Structures are given as C-alpha cells and as structure tokens.
C-alpha cells in the first residue's frame, strides 16, 4: 500500500493547476462533471496562470457573483459549494490560497413549484381503462413509496419483498461501499422503500410469473445495434428496462392538456403529492424524513404543499371547545 505523503505547507500552485489536481482527486465521474463547471469557470475568471496564493477572498466572492449572482438559488448554491470544496481541499493539503468570503453566503432554497395532485385526481388517472397495467403499477408505486422515478425504474424482480411490501433502491447520491471505480449496484449502500395495498394488488398481475429481470420493461425488444447491460434485460422475454424518458413520455401522453405534448404531469409530482398527503394526514416531520429518506428538514419542507382545505381543517383546532367542527 503506498504511503500517504503530507504536502509541505506553503506549496505554490497556479489557479489552473490547483483546479486540475482537485478535480483529478474526485472519483465519481458525475461529481467531476458537476464540480468542473463551478471550479473551471471560477478559475478562468480569476486568471488561470496566476498563483493561487495571490488570490484574495473577496476575488472569489466577486467571481461567484459575476458568474452566478443572477442564477437560480439552487444553481448559486451548487457552484458556491463546488468552489468551497475546492479551496478547502487545497488548504487541507498545505496549498496557500483564498477562501470563500463570509458575505458570499449559501442561500435558502425556495419552495418547489412542482404541482401537487389531489388523491381524487390520482385515483381517477390510475383507474382509467385505457391506461396500461404497467403504467398503473408504476404510478401507484411511485405515489405510495414517494421514491424518485429513477429509483423505482431501477428495481429488479428478484429484489422485491412482496410479502413485506418493500424493496431496496439505489438512491440519489448513493455512497459506494468501496472506492474502486466502475462500481456496480451491489457495491453501493442501498435504501429501502415501502408500498401499500394499491401497489401490492397490481405487482403480481404485472409480473405474470416472471421471477427475474427489471420490474418495468418496454413492450419491444431492443434493436440489434443497441448495447444494453445484462441487468437491464429480462432473461425470460428479452425485453429491456423501461427508461426514465419513456416513463415520462407515457405519463405526459395520458395527462396532457388538450393532447398538447409537454403539458401533462411530471414524474416527480408523484413524490410531491405523496409527501404532501402524508403531511396532511398527520405524519410528523421526522416520519416524513424517514419516508422520503431526506437528511435535512429543509429539503422535506419544499415538498410539503398542504391544500387550502387542509389548512382550514387544522385552523379549526383553535376554535373554542363548543365551536369545533
């Protein structure tokens, strides 16, 4: 095993070299891509050839403001976080350099504008005769698990616990168990999602005796020139896993206003709607966090959009004892 070498304090690097060595240290390709935007553009703005140690804290803040000061809150926070990680990484390894100034603060994310669909609207959509069993099952499962669409679409039949009404999923930002590159699904820390009676009734009908392969598959086999992972193919039928894009298009087709493409529901609305209805039903914040698998309360809050009727109902609790409805 190679020895860990402590870098000497005061080591000089140019802005570009510091950015490159930081990005090269990141193992996850998605992280490299996302961080590369914030770090790369900031390095260009500061001047790539100058020593990192010559950059002042305020210059970092000014670069962030000029590049993303008028961007959406989430974009600002993401770019600021990437630069913060970069400079912190350099400091920990003995490279002289600036820091993100205190006045370039992280902003509070706004509430999500994703619509919340009523329980009646959801039940009516899933009950429609022209909706295929595959879509009925997927939509009901997304609603009851409040999981992300890509998580449910990635589940295989052999992973389902039909009796326990649960399944492990590879969550967004899942942590790998090992540091090696090219890790497969089994190398990640999986999380569990739970469904209820609606999904439990539909799943056996959808599977029709299949015991292996993706739960949700297309109706056609992949073309001869398409390369598909063995995990994404049903070994019994040869059908491929249903993709996120295909699932989104199917939902839009059944909910588009006036049949106009792009005006229908979004897959993420199932998660928003499920969490909102659980909150209206009295689920505590801690329970909502456990159900959604969020680590921060502020991330759950943006999903919770109680209806006017629910707010009116809870307000009635403040009425005098003889006036409560």
C-alpha atoms as a PDB file:
ATOM      1  CA  UNK A   1       0.000   0.000   0.000  1.00  0.00           C
ATOM      2  CA  UNK A   2       1.540   3.379  -0.991  1.00  0.00           C
ATOM      3  CA  UNK A   3       2.497   5.735   1.848  1.00  0.00           C
ATOM      4  CA  UNK A   4       0.445   8.861   2.420  1.00  0.00           C
ATOM      5  CA  UNK A   5       2.682  11.884   1.893  1.00  0.00           C
ATOM      6  CA  UNK A   6       1.965  15.129   3.751  1.00  0.00           C
ATOM      7  CA  UNK A   7       2.289  18.026   1.338  1.00  0.00           C
ATOM      8  CA  UNK A   8       4.547  20.809   2.595  1.00  0.00           C
ATOM      9  CA  UNK A   9       2.933  23.996   3.858  1.00  0.00           C
ATOM     10  CA  UNK A  10       3.310  26.973   1.575  1.00  0.00           C
ATOM     11  CA  UNK A  11       3.449  24.913  -1.606  1.00  0.00           C
ATOM     12  CA  UNK A  12       2.699  27.157  -4.598  1.00  0.00           C
ATOM     13  CA  UNK A  13       0.288  26.288  -7.368  1.00  0.00           C
ATOM     14  CA  UNK A  14      -1.279  28.225 -10.184  1.00  0.00           C
ATOM     15  CA  UNK A  15      -5.043  28.592 -10.180  1.00  0.00           C
ATOM     16  CA  UNK A  16      -5.385  26.175 -13.103  1.00  0.00           C
ATOM     17  CA  UNK A  17      -3.062  23.587 -11.595  1.00  0.00           C
ATOM     18  CA  UNK A  18      -4.907  23.740  -8.286  1.00  0.00           C
ATOM     19  CA  UNK A  19      -8.216  23.225 -10.073  1.00  0.00           C
ATOM     20  CA  UNK A  20      -6.875  20.279 -12.063  1.00  0.00           C
ATOM     21  CA  UNK A  21      -5.308  18.484  -9.107  1.00  0.00           C
ATOM     22  CA  UNK A  22      -8.542  18.878  -7.122  1.00  0.00           C
ATOM     23  CA  UNK A  23     -10.773  17.555  -9.918  1.00  0.00           C
ATOM     24  CA  UNK A  24      -8.380  14.661 -10.519  1.00  0.00           C
ATOM     25  CA  UNK A  25      -8.789  13.641  -6.885  1.00  0.00           C
ATOM     26  CA  UNK A  26     -12.552  13.110  -7.279  1.00  0.00           C
ATOM     27  CA  UNK A  27     -13.500   9.523  -8.001  1.00  0.00           C
ATOM     28  CA  UNK A  28     -17.112   9.886  -9.112  1.00  0.00           C
ATOM     29  CA  UNK A  29     -17.467  10.978 -12.779  1.00  0.00           C
ATOM     30  CA  UNK A  30     -20.753  12.759 -12.022  1.00  0.00           C
ATOM     31  CA  UNK A  31     -19.086  14.738  -9.241  1.00  0.00           C
ATOM     32  CA  UNK A  32     -16.201  15.643 -11.544  1.00  0.00           C
ATOM     33  CA  UNK A  33     -18.633  16.877 -14.171  1.00  0.00           C
ATOM     34  CA  UNK A  34     -20.741  18.925 -11.747  1.00  0.00           C
ATOM     35  CA  UNK A  35     -17.818  20.371  -9.794  1.00  0.00           C
ATOM     36  CA  UNK A  36     -15.910  21.013 -13.006  1.00  0.00           C
ATOM     37  CA  UNK A  37     -18.416  23.665 -14.026  1.00  0.00           C
ATOM     38  CA  UNK A  38     -18.085  25.749 -10.865  1.00  0.00           C
ATOM     39  CA  UNK A  39     -14.359  25.240 -10.362  1.00  0.00           C
ATOM     40  CA  UNK A  40     -13.456  25.586 -14.030  1.00  0.00           C
ATOM     41  CA  UNK A  41     -15.365  28.794 -14.702  1.00  0.00           C
ATOM     42  CA  UNK A  42     -14.153  30.342 -11.451  1.00  0.00           C
ATOM     43  CA  UNK A  43     -10.546  29.518 -12.350  1.00  0.00           C
ATOM     44  CA  UNK A  44     -10.989  31.145 -15.763  1.00  0.00           C
ATOM     45  CA  UNK A  45     -12.475  34.257 -14.175  1.00  0.00           C
ATOM     46  CA  UNK A  46      -9.644  34.583 -11.636  1.00  0.00           C
ATOM     47  CA  UNK A  47      -6.882  34.062 -14.203  1.00  0.00           C
ATOM     48  CA  UNK A  48      -5.595  30.527 -14.676  1.00  0.00           C
ATOM     49  CA  UNK A  49      -1.905  31.364 -14.790  1.00  0.00           C
ATOM     50  CA  UNK A  50      -1.621  33.378 -11.589  1.00  0.00           C
ATOM     51  CA  UNK A  51      -0.549  31.801  -8.296  1.00  0.00           C
ATOM     52  CA  UNK A  52      -3.467  30.586  -6.196  1.00  0.00           C
ATOM     53  CA  UNK A  53      -1.854  32.229  -3.165  1.00  0.00           C
ATOM     54  CA  UNK A  54      -2.179  35.655  -4.820  1.00  0.00           C
ATOM     55  CA  UNK A  55      -5.983  35.441  -4.988  1.00  0.00           C
ATOM     56  CA  UNK A  56      -7.863  37.347  -2.284  1.00  0.00           C
ATOM     57  CA  UNK A  57     -11.000  36.059  -0.574  1.00  0.00           C
ATOM     58  CA  UNK A  58     -13.086  38.902  -1.999  1.00  0.00           C
ATOM     59  CA  UNK A  59     -11.971  37.999  -5.510  1.00  0.00           C
ATOM     60  CA  UNK A  60     -13.547  34.571  -5.028  1.00  0.00           C
ATOM     61  CA  UNK A  61     -16.800  36.156  -3.897  1.00  0.00           C
ATOM     62  CA  UNK A  62     -16.767  38.623  -6.783  1.00  0.00           C
ATOM     63  CA  UNK A  63     -16.162  35.839  -9.291  1.00  0.00           C
ATOM     64  CA  UNK A  64     -19.095  33.881  -7.893  1.00  0.00           C
ATOM     65  CA  UNK A  65     -21.321  36.957  -8.026  1.00  0.00           C
ATOM     66  CA  UNK A  66     -20.362  37.799 -11.599  1.00  0.00           C
ATOM     67  CA  UNK A  67     -20.794  34.240 -12.822  1.00  0.00           C
ATOM     68  CA  UNK A  68     -23.895  33.116 -10.931  1.00  0.00           C
ATOM     69  CA  UNK A  69     -25.206  36.069  -8.949  1.00  0.00           C
ATOM     70  CA  UNK A  70     -28.337  36.267 -11.111  1.00  0.00           C
ATOM     71  CA  UNK A  71     -28.815  32.497 -11.423  1.00  0.00           C
ATOM     72  CA  UNK A  72     -31.406  30.380  -9.655  1.00  0.00           C
ATOM     73  CA  UNK A  73     -30.831  29.794  -5.948  1.00  0.00           C
ATOM     74  CA  UNK A  74     -30.034  26.118  -6.403  1.00  0.00           C
ATOM     75  CA  UNK A  75     -27.502  26.921  -9.127  1.00  0.00           C
ATOM     76  CA  UNK A  76     -25.804  29.523  -6.942  1.00  0.00           C
ATOM     77  CA  UNK A  77     -25.615  27.089  -4.020  1.00  0.00           C
ATOM     78  CA  UNK A  78     -24.230  24.285  -6.194  1.00  0.00           C
ATOM     79  CA  UNK A  79     -21.497  26.421  -7.774  1.00  0.00           C
ATOM     80  CA  UNK A  80     -20.577  28.009  -4.441  1.00  0.00           C
ATOM     81  CA  UNK A  81     -20.353  24.550  -2.846  1.00  0.00           C
ATOM     82  CA  UNK A  82     -18.011  23.289  -5.556  1.00  0.00           C
ATOM     83  CA  UNK A  83     -15.657  26.255  -5.116  1.00  0.00           C
ATOM     84  CA  UNK A  84     -15.859  25.898  -1.319  1.00  0.00           C
ATOM     85  CA  UNK A  85     -14.846  22.222  -1.596  1.00  0.00           C
ATOM     86  CA  UNK A  86     -12.028  23.064  -3.984  1.00  0.00           C
ATOM     87  CA  UNK A  87     -10.452  25.732  -1.784  1.00  0.00           C
ATOM     88  CA  UNK A  88     -10.998  23.698   1.365  1.00  0.00           C
ATOM     89  CA  UNK A  89      -9.295  20.703  -0.248  1.00  0.00           C
ATOM     90  CA  UNK A  90      -6.311  22.855  -1.224  1.00  0.00           C
ATOM     91  CA  UNK A  91      -5.997  24.295   2.282  1.00  0.00           C
ATOM     92  CA  UNK A  92      -6.112  20.859   3.901  1.00  0.00           C
ATOM     93  CA  UNK A  93      -3.171  19.767   1.758  1.00  0.00           C
ATOM     94  CA  UNK A  94      -0.955  22.710   2.557  1.00  0.00           C
ATOM     95  CA  UNK A  95      -1.509  24.844  -0.536  1.00  0.00           C
ATOM     96  CA  UNK A  96      -1.709  28.567   0.169  1.00  0.00           C
ATOM     97  CA  UNK A  97      -4.863  30.102  -1.203  1.00  0.00           C
ATOM     98  CA  UNK A  98      -8.039  32.074  -0.532  1.00  0.00           C
ATOM     99  CA  UNK A  99     -11.372  31.077   0.985  1.00  0.00           C
ATOM    100  CA  UNK A 100     -14.959  31.815   0.071  1.00  0.00           C
ATOM    101  CA  UNK A 101     -15.757  35.094   1.890  1.00  0.00           C
ATOM    102  CA  UNK A 102     -18.428  35.141   4.549  1.00  0.00           C
ATOM    103  CA  UNK A 103     -20.556  37.593   2.571  1.00  0.00           C
ATOM    104  CA  UNK A 104     -20.923  35.081  -0.310  1.00  0.00           C
ATOM    105  CA  UNK A 105     -23.484  33.121   1.675  1.00  0.00           C
ATOM    106  CA  UNK A 106     -25.404  29.997   0.836  1.00  0.00           C
ATOM    107  CA  UNK A 107     -28.999  30.923   0.027  1.00  0.00           C
ATOM    108  CA  UNK A 108     -32.110  29.219   1.366  1.00  0.00           C
ATOM    109  CA  UNK A 109     -33.681  27.162  -1.450  1.00  0.00           C
ATOM    110  CA  UNK A 110     -37.170  28.321  -2.444  1.00  0.00           C
ATOM    111  CA  UNK A 111     -40.208  26.118  -2.111  1.00  0.00           C
ATOM    112  CA  UNK A 112     -40.641  23.780  -5.043  1.00  0.00           C
ATOM    113  CA  UNK A 113     -43.121  24.831  -7.743  1.00  0.00           C
ATOM    114  CA  UNK A 114     -43.920  21.229  -8.658  1.00  0.00           C
ATOM    115  CA  UNK A 115     -47.717  20.810  -8.538  1.00  0.00           C
ATOM    116  CA  UNK A 116     -49.412  18.541  -6.023  1.00  0.00           C
ATOM    117  CA  UNK A 117     -52.203  16.388  -7.414  1.00  0.00           C
ATOM    118  CA  UNK A 118     -55.242  15.552  -5.309  1.00  0.00           C
ATOM    119  CA  UNK A 119     -55.935  11.997  -4.195  1.00  0.00           C
ATOM    120  CA  UNK A 120     -59.072  12.001  -6.318  1.00  0.00           C
ATOM    121  CA  UNK A 121     -57.159  13.047  -9.435  1.00  0.00           C
ATOM    122  CA  UNK A 122     -54.547  10.353  -8.801  1.00  0.00           C
ATOM    123  CA  UNK A 123     -57.141   7.611  -8.260  1.00  0.00           C
ATOM    124  CA  UNK A 124     -59.072   8.639 -11.361  1.00  0.00           C
ATOM    125  CA  UNK A 125     -55.975   8.640 -13.565  1.00  0.00           C
ATOM    126  CA  UNK A 126     -54.829   5.210 -12.416  1.00  0.00           C
ATOM    127  CA  UNK A 127     -58.356   3.789 -12.747  1.00  0.00           C
ATOM    128  CA  UNK A 128     -58.754   4.832 -16.398  1.00  0.00           C
ATOM    129  CA  UNK A 129     -59.326   1.815 -18.659  1.00  0.00           C
ATOM    130  CA  UNK A 130     -57.013   2.987 -21.427  1.00  0.00           C
ATOM    131  CA  UNK A 131     -54.031   3.165 -19.049  1.00  0.00           C
ATOM    132  CA  UNK A 132     -51.869   0.048 -19.361  1.00  0.00           C
ATOM    133  CA  UNK A 133     -51.249  -2.135 -16.308  1.00  0.00           C
ATOM    134  CA  UNK A 134     -47.542  -1.276 -16.436  1.00  0.00           C
ATOM    135  CA  UNK A 135     -48.249   2.453 -16.079  1.00  0.00           C
ATOM    136  CA  UNK A 136     -50.899   1.871 -13.395  1.00  0.00           C
ATOM    137  CA  UNK A 137     -48.399  -0.104 -11.332  1.00  0.00           C
ATOM    138  CA  UNK A 138     -45.543   2.344 -11.828  1.00  0.00           C
ATOM    139  CA  UNK A 139     -47.616   5.381 -10.911  1.00  0.00           C
ATOM    140  CA  UNK A 140     -49.193   3.761  -7.865  1.00  0.00           C
ATOM    141  CA  UNK A 141     -45.781   2.553  -6.711  1.00  0.00           C
ATOM    142  CA  UNK A 142     -44.227   5.998  -7.140  1.00  0.00           C
ATOM    143  CA  UNK A 143     -47.064   7.547  -5.152  1.00  0.00           C
ATOM    144  CA  UNK A 144     -47.044   5.041  -2.292  1.00  0.00           C
ATOM    145  CA  UNK A 145     -43.249   4.823  -1.952  1.00  0.00           C
ATOM    146  CA  UNK A 146     -42.697   8.581  -2.613  1.00  0.00           C
ATOM    147  CA  UNK A 147     -39.481   7.394  -4.259  1.00  0.00           C
ATOM    148  CA  UNK A 148     -37.758   9.053  -7.201  1.00  0.00           C
ATOM    149  CA  UNK A 149     -38.747   7.632 -10.569  1.00  0.00           C
ATOM    150  CA  UNK A 150     -35.224   6.504 -11.466  1.00  0.00           C
ATOM    151  CA  UNK A 151     -35.039   4.578  -8.173  1.00  0.00           C
ATOM    152  CA  UNK A 152     -38.193   2.562  -8.858  1.00  0.00           C
ATOM    153  CA  UNK A 153     -37.391   2.036 -12.531  1.00  0.00           C
ATOM    154  CA  UNK A 154     -34.033   0.574 -11.465  1.00  0.00           C
ATOM    155  CA  UNK A 155     -35.546  -2.196  -9.291  1.00  0.00           C
ATOM    156  CA  UNK A 156     -35.405  -5.837 -10.416  1.00  0.00           C
ATOM    157  CA  UNK A 157     -37.962  -8.514  -9.628  1.00  0.00           C
ATOM    158  CA  UNK A 158     -35.588 -10.625  -7.533  1.00  0.00           C
ATOM    159  CA  UNK A 159     -35.118  -7.625  -5.204  1.00  0.00           C
ATOM    160  CA  UNK A 160     -38.819  -7.269  -4.395  1.00  0.00           C
ATOM    161  CA  UNK A 161     -40.073  -8.355  -0.978  1.00  0.00           C
ATOM    162  CA  UNK A 162     -43.704  -8.827  -1.981  1.00  0.00           C
ATOM    163  CA  UNK A 163     -44.766 -10.142   1.422  1.00  0.00           C
ATOM    164  CA  UNK A 164     -43.096  -7.266   3.265  1.00  0.00           C
ATOM    165  CA  UNK A 165     -44.131  -4.717   0.625  1.00  0.00           C
ATOM    166  CA  UNK A 166     -40.648  -3.250   0.317  1.00  0.00           C
ATOM    167  CA  UNK A 167     -37.565  -3.199  -1.909  1.00  0.00           C
ATOM    168  CA  UNK A 168     -34.011  -1.823  -1.814  1.00  0.00           C
ATOM    169  CA  UNK A 169     -33.196   1.029  -4.192  1.00  0.00           C
ATOM    170  CA  UNK A 170     -30.046   2.794  -5.247  1.00  0.00           C
ATOM    171  CA  UNK A 171     -30.802   6.302  -4.042  1.00  0.00           C
ATOM    172  CA  UNK A 172     -29.701   9.607  -5.492  1.00  0.00           C
ATOM    173  CA  UNK A 173     -26.112  10.219  -4.382  1.00  0.00           C
ATOM    174  CA  UNK A 174     -25.760   6.685  -3.007  1.00  0.00           C
ATOM    175  CA  UNK A 175     -22.453   6.065  -1.233  1.00  0.00           C
ATOM    176  CA  UNK A 176     -20.247   3.296  -2.645  1.00  0.00           C
ATOM    177  CA  UNK A 177     -19.083   0.624  -0.215  1.00  0.00           C
ATOM    178  CA  UNK A 178     -15.666   0.643  -1.894  1.00  0.00           C
ATOM    179  CA  UNK A 179     -13.501   3.276  -3.557  1.00  0.00           C
ATOM    180  CA  UNK A 180     -12.886   1.343  -6.746  1.00  0.00           C
ATOM    181  CA  UNK A 181     -14.164   2.786  -9.989  1.00  0.00           C
ATOM    182  CA  UNK A 182     -16.817   1.141 -12.117  1.00  0.00           C
ATOM    183  CA  UNK A 183     -18.765   0.000  -9.052  1.00  0.00           C
ATOM    184  CA  UNK A 184     -21.928  -1.976  -9.784  1.00  0.00           C
ATOM    185  CA  UNK A 185     -25.254  -1.591  -7.994  1.00  0.00           C
ATOM    186  CA  UNK A 186     -24.364  -4.137  -5.311  1.00  0.00           C
ATOM    187  CA  UNK A 187     -21.316  -2.058  -4.350  1.00  0.00           C
ATOM    188  CA  UNK A 188     -23.495   0.863  -3.206  1.00  0.00           C
ATOM    189  CA  UNK A 189     -25.306   1.408   0.077  1.00  0.00           C
ATOM    190  CA  UNK A 190     -28.951   0.744  -0.813  1.00  0.00           C
ATOM    191  CA  UNK A 191     -32.016   2.246   0.878  1.00  0.00           C
ATOM    192  CA  UNK A 192     -35.434   0.679   1.421  1.00  0.00           C
ATOM    193  CA  UNK A 193     -38.758   1.940   0.075  1.00  0.00           C
ATOM    194  CA  UNK A 194     -42.192   0.732   1.192  1.00  0.00           C
ATOM    195  CA  UNK A 195     -45.528   0.480  -0.614  1.00  0.00           C
ATOM    196  CA  UNK A 196     -49.077  -0.370   0.412  1.00  0.00           C
ATOM    197  CA  UNK A 197     -52.154  -2.252  -0.751  1.00  0.00           C
ATOM    198  CA  UNK A 198     -52.612  -0.475  -4.086  1.00  0.00           C
ATOM    199  CA  UNK A 199     -49.179  -1.474  -5.361  1.00  0.00           C
ATOM    200  CA  UNK A 200     -49.429  -4.888  -3.678  1.00  0.00           C
ATOM    201  CA  UNK A 201     -52.531  -5.687  -5.717  1.00  0.00           C
ATOM    202  CA  UNK A 202     -51.035  -4.585  -9.037  1.00  0.00           C
ATOM    203  CA  UNK A 203     -47.499  -6.022  -8.884  1.00  0.00           C
ATOM    204  CA  UNK A 204     -48.413  -9.749  -9.155  1.00  0.00           C
ATOM    205  CA  UNK A 205     -50.618  -9.007 -12.173  1.00  0.00           C
ATOM    206  CA  UNK A 206     -47.805  -7.074 -13.842  1.00  0.00           C
ATOM    207  CA  UNK A 207     -45.140  -9.730 -13.243  1.00  0.00           C
ATOM    208  CA  UNK A 208     -47.271 -12.640 -14.522  1.00  0.00           C
ATOM    209  CA  UNK A 209     -44.961 -15.264 -13.109  1.00  0.00           C
ATOM    210  CA  UNK A 210     -41.699 -13.556 -14.119  1.00  0.00           C
ATOM    211  CA  UNK A 211     -39.085 -14.020 -11.411  1.00  0.00           C
ATOM    212  CA  UNK A 212     -36.004 -12.220 -12.826  1.00  0.00           C
ATOM    213  CA  UNK A 213     -35.073  -9.024 -14.592  1.00  0.00           C
ATOM    214  CA  UNK A 214     -36.448  -5.463 -14.478  1.00  0.00           C
ATOM    215  CA  UNK A 215     -39.863  -4.937 -12.924  1.00  0.00           C
ATOM    216  CA  UNK A 216     -40.829  -2.377 -15.558  1.00  0.00           C
ATOM    217  CA  UNK A 217     -39.924  -3.293 -19.135  1.00  0.00           C
ATOM    218  CA  UNK A 218     -40.706  -1.983 -22.598  1.00  0.00           C
ATOM    219  CA  UNK A 219     -43.152  -3.697 -24.945  1.00  0.00           C
ATOM    220  CA  UNK A 220     -40.488  -4.230 -27.600  1.00  0.00           C
ATOM    221  CA  UNK A 221     -37.065  -5.850 -27.610  1.00  0.00           C
ATOM    222  CA  UNK A 222     -34.054  -3.544 -28.099  1.00  0.00           C
ATOM    223  CA  UNK A 223     -32.740  -3.173 -31.633  1.00  0.00           C
ATOM    224  CA  UNK A 224     -29.750  -5.235 -32.812  1.00  0.00           C
ATOM    225  CA  UNK A 225     -27.347  -2.307 -32.608  1.00  0.00           C
ATOM    226  CA  UNK A 226     -28.269  -1.222 -29.083  1.00  0.00           C
ATOM    227  CA  UNK A 227     -25.913  -2.217 -26.265  1.00  0.00           C
ATOM    228  CA  UNK A 228     -27.815  -2.998 -23.056  1.00  0.00           C
ATOM    229  CA  UNK A 229     -26.460  -4.157 -19.709  1.00  0.00           C
ATOM    230  CA  UNK A 230     -27.461  -7.736 -18.754  1.00  0.00           C
ATOM    231  CA  UNK A 231     -29.119  -6.346 -15.632  1.00  0.00           C
ATOM    232  CA  UNK A 232     -31.395  -4.212 -17.825  1.00  0.00           C
ATOM    233  CA  UNK A 233     -32.738  -7.121 -19.878  1.00  0.00           C
ATOM    234  CA  UNK A 234     -35.426  -9.596 -18.841  1.00  0.00           C
ATOM    235  CA  UNK A 235     -33.782 -13.033 -19.317  1.00  0.00           C
ATOM    236  CA  UNK A 236     -37.169 -14.656 -19.982  1.00  0.00           C
ATOM    237  CA  UNK A 237     -38.676 -12.238 -22.509  1.00  0.00           C
ATOM    238  CA  UNK A 238     -35.670 -10.325 -23.840  1.00  0.00           C
ATOM    239  CA  UNK A 239     -37.446  -7.029 -23.133  1.00  0.00           C
ATOM    240  CA  UNK A 240     -35.383  -4.058 -21.913  1.00  0.00           C
ATOM    241  CA  UNK A 241     -35.856  -1.928 -18.816  1.00  0.00           C
ATOM    242  CA  UNK A 242     -38.253   0.998 -19.187  1.00  0.00           C
ATOM    243  CA  UNK A 243     -36.205   4.211 -19.224  1.00  0.00           C
ATOM    244  CA  UNK A 244     -36.911   7.445 -17.385  1.00  0.00           C
ATOM    245  CA  UNK A 245     -37.545   9.244 -20.676  1.00  0.00           C
ATOM    246  CA  UNK A 246     -40.034   6.624 -21.814  1.00  0.00           C
ATOM    247  CA  UNK A 247     -41.853   6.699 -18.466  1.00  0.00           C
ATOM    248  CA  UNK A 248     -42.035  10.498 -18.570  1.00  0.00           C
ATOM    249  CA  UNK A 249     -43.434  10.458 -22.096  1.00  0.00           C
ATOM    250  CA  UNK A 250     -46.104   7.905 -21.182  1.00  0.00           C
ATOM    251  CA  UNK A 251     -47.275   9.987 -18.219  1.00  0.00           C
ATOM    252  CA  UNK A 252     -47.377  13.111 -20.356  1.00  0.00           C
ATOM    253  CA  UNK A 253     -49.429  11.349 -23.039  1.00  0.00           C
ATOM    254  CA  UNK A 254     -52.140  10.412 -20.534  1.00  0.00           C
ATOM    255  CA  UNK A 255     -52.289  13.783 -18.766  1.00  0.00           C
ATOM    256  CA  UNK A 256     -51.500  16.366 -21.473  1.00  0.00           C
ATOM    257  CA  UNK A 257     -53.908  19.305 -21.624  1.00  0.00           C
ATOM    258  CA  UNK A 258     -55.875  19.075 -24.834  1.00  0.00           C
ATOM    259  CA  UNK A 259     -53.455  16.434 -26.081  1.00  0.00           C
ATOM    260  CA  UNK A 260     -50.662  19.021 -26.341  1.00  0.00           C
ATOM    261  CA  UNK A 261     -47.302  17.281 -25.717  1.00  0.00           C
ATOM    262  CA  UNK A 262     -45.330  18.648 -22.790  1.00  0.00           C
ATOM    263  CA  UNK A 263     -48.328  19.957 -20.850  1.00  0.00           C
ATOM    264  CA  UNK A 264     -49.030  16.872 -18.726  1.00  0.00           C
ATOM    265  CA  UNK A 265     -47.919  15.728 -15.313  1.00  0.00           C
ATOM    266  CA  UNK A 266     -44.267  15.194 -14.390  1.00  0.00           C
ATOM    267  CA  UNK A 267     -42.934  12.023 -12.772  1.00  0.00           C
ATOM    268  CA  UNK A 268     -41.659  13.974  -9.763  1.00  0.00           C
ATOM    269  CA  UNK A 269     -45.223  15.042  -8.950  1.00  0.00           C
ATOM    270  CA  UNK A 270     -45.924  11.588  -7.512  1.00  0.00           C
ATOM    271  CA  UNK A 271     -43.261  12.178  -4.844  1.00  0.00           C
ATOM    272  CA  UNK A 272     -44.509  15.685  -4.080  1.00  0.00           C
ATOM    273  CA  UNK A 273     -48.125  14.565  -3.905  1.00  0.00           C
ATOM    274  CA  UNK A 274     -47.428  11.552  -1.699  1.00  0.00           C
ATOM    275  CA  UNK A 275     -45.412  13.549   0.840  1.00  0.00           C
ATOM    276  CA  UNK A 276     -47.984  16.339   0.928  1.00  0.00           C
ATOM    277  CA  UNK A 277     -50.850  13.900   1.517  1.00  0.00           C
ATOM    278  CA  UNK A 278     -48.891  12.167   4.291  1.00  0.00           C
ATOM    279  CA  UNK A 279     -48.267  15.540   5.921  1.00  0.00           C
ATOM    280  CA  UNK A 280     -51.935  16.476   5.651  1.00  0.00           C
ATOM    281  CA  UNK A 281     -52.774  13.128   7.218  1.00  0.00           C
ATOM    282  CA  UNK A 282     -50.764  13.988  10.310  1.00  0.00           C
ATOM    283  CA  UNK A 283     -47.352  12.406   9.631  1.00  0.00           C
ATOM    284  CA  UNK A 284     -44.652  14.101  11.695  1.00  0.00           C
ATOM    285  CA  UNK A 285     -41.630  15.825  10.171  1.00  0.00           C
ATOM    286  CA  UNK A 286     -39.363  13.008  11.362  1.00  0.00           C
ATOM    287  CA  UNK A 287     -41.640  10.428   9.773  1.00  0.00           C
ATOM    288  CA  UNK A 288     -41.723  12.375   6.509  1.00  0.00           C
ATOM    289  CA  UNK A 289     -37.921  12.496   6.535  1.00  0.00           C
ATOM    290  CA  UNK A 290     -37.775   8.744   7.138  1.00  0.00           C
ATOM    291  CA  UNK A 291     -40.272   8.046   4.364  1.00  0.00           C
ATOM    292  CA  UNK A 292     -38.616  10.349   1.828  1.00  0.00           C
ATOM    293  CA  UNK A 293     -35.086   9.447   3.057  1.00  0.00           C
ATOM    294  CA  UNK A 294     -34.081  13.102   3.239  1.00  0.00           C
ATOM    295  CA  UNK A 295     -31.307  14.003   5.650  1.00  0.00           C
ATOM    296  CA  UNK A 296     -32.275  17.669   6.090  1.00  0.00           C
ATOM    297  CA  UNK A 297     -35.626  19.021   7.259  1.00  0.00           C
ATOM    298  CA  UNK A 298     -35.449  21.954   4.827  1.00  0.00           C
ATOM    299  CA  UNK A 299     -35.410  19.509   1.914  1.00  0.00           C
ATOM    300  CA  UNK A 300     -38.639  17.896   3.108  1.00  0.00           C
ATOM    301  CA  UNK A 301     -40.344  21.238   3.642  1.00  0.00           C
ATOM    302  CA  UNK A 302     -40.205  22.181  -0.033  1.00  0.00           C
ATOM    303  CA  UNK A 303     -42.150  19.024  -0.883  1.00  0.00           C
ATOM    304  CA  UNK A 304     -44.994  19.759   1.521  1.00  0.00           C
ATOM    305  CA  UNK A 305     -47.771  21.865  -0.010  1.00  0.00           C
ATOM    306  CA  UNK A 306     -50.956  21.477   2.079  1.00  0.00           C
ATOM    307  CA  UNK A 307     -54.221  22.309   0.367  1.00  0.00           C
ATOM    308  CA  UNK A 308     -56.414  25.241   1.495  1.00  0.00           C
ATOM    309  CA  UNK A 309     -58.896  22.693   2.845  1.00  0.00           C
ATOM    310  CA  UNK A 310     -56.199  21.061   4.987  1.00  0.00           C
ATOM    311  CA  UNK A 311     -55.107  24.438   6.366  1.00  0.00           C
ATOM    312  CA  UNK A 312     -58.723  25.323   7.145  1.00  0.00           C
ATOM    313  CA  UNK A 313     -59.166  21.987   8.913  1.00  0.00           C
ATOM    314  CA  UNK A 314     -56.136  22.428  11.137  1.00  0.00           C
ATOM    315  CA  UNK A 315     -57.205  26.003  11.906  1.00  0.00           C
ATOM    316  CA  UNK A 316     -60.458  24.618  13.323  1.00  0.00           C
ATOM    317  CA  UNK A 317     -58.416  23.124  16.173  1.00  0.00           C
ATOM    318  CA  UNK A 318     -58.005  26.656  17.528  1.00  0.00           C
ATOM    319  CA  UNK A 319     -61.741  27.261  17.820  1.00  0.00           C
ATOM    320  CA  UNK A 320     -63.473  27.305  21.241  1.00  0.00           C
ATOM    321  CA  UNK A 321     -64.444  23.884  22.536  1.00  0.00           C
ATOM    322  CA  UNK A 322     -68.110  24.287  21.659  1.00  0.00           C
ATOM    323  CA  UNK A 323     -67.429  25.665  18.183  1.00  0.00           C
ATOM    324  CA  UNK A 324     -65.179  22.969  16.737  1.00  0.00           C
ATOM    325  CA  UNK A 325     -66.432  21.327  13.592  1.00  0.00           C
END
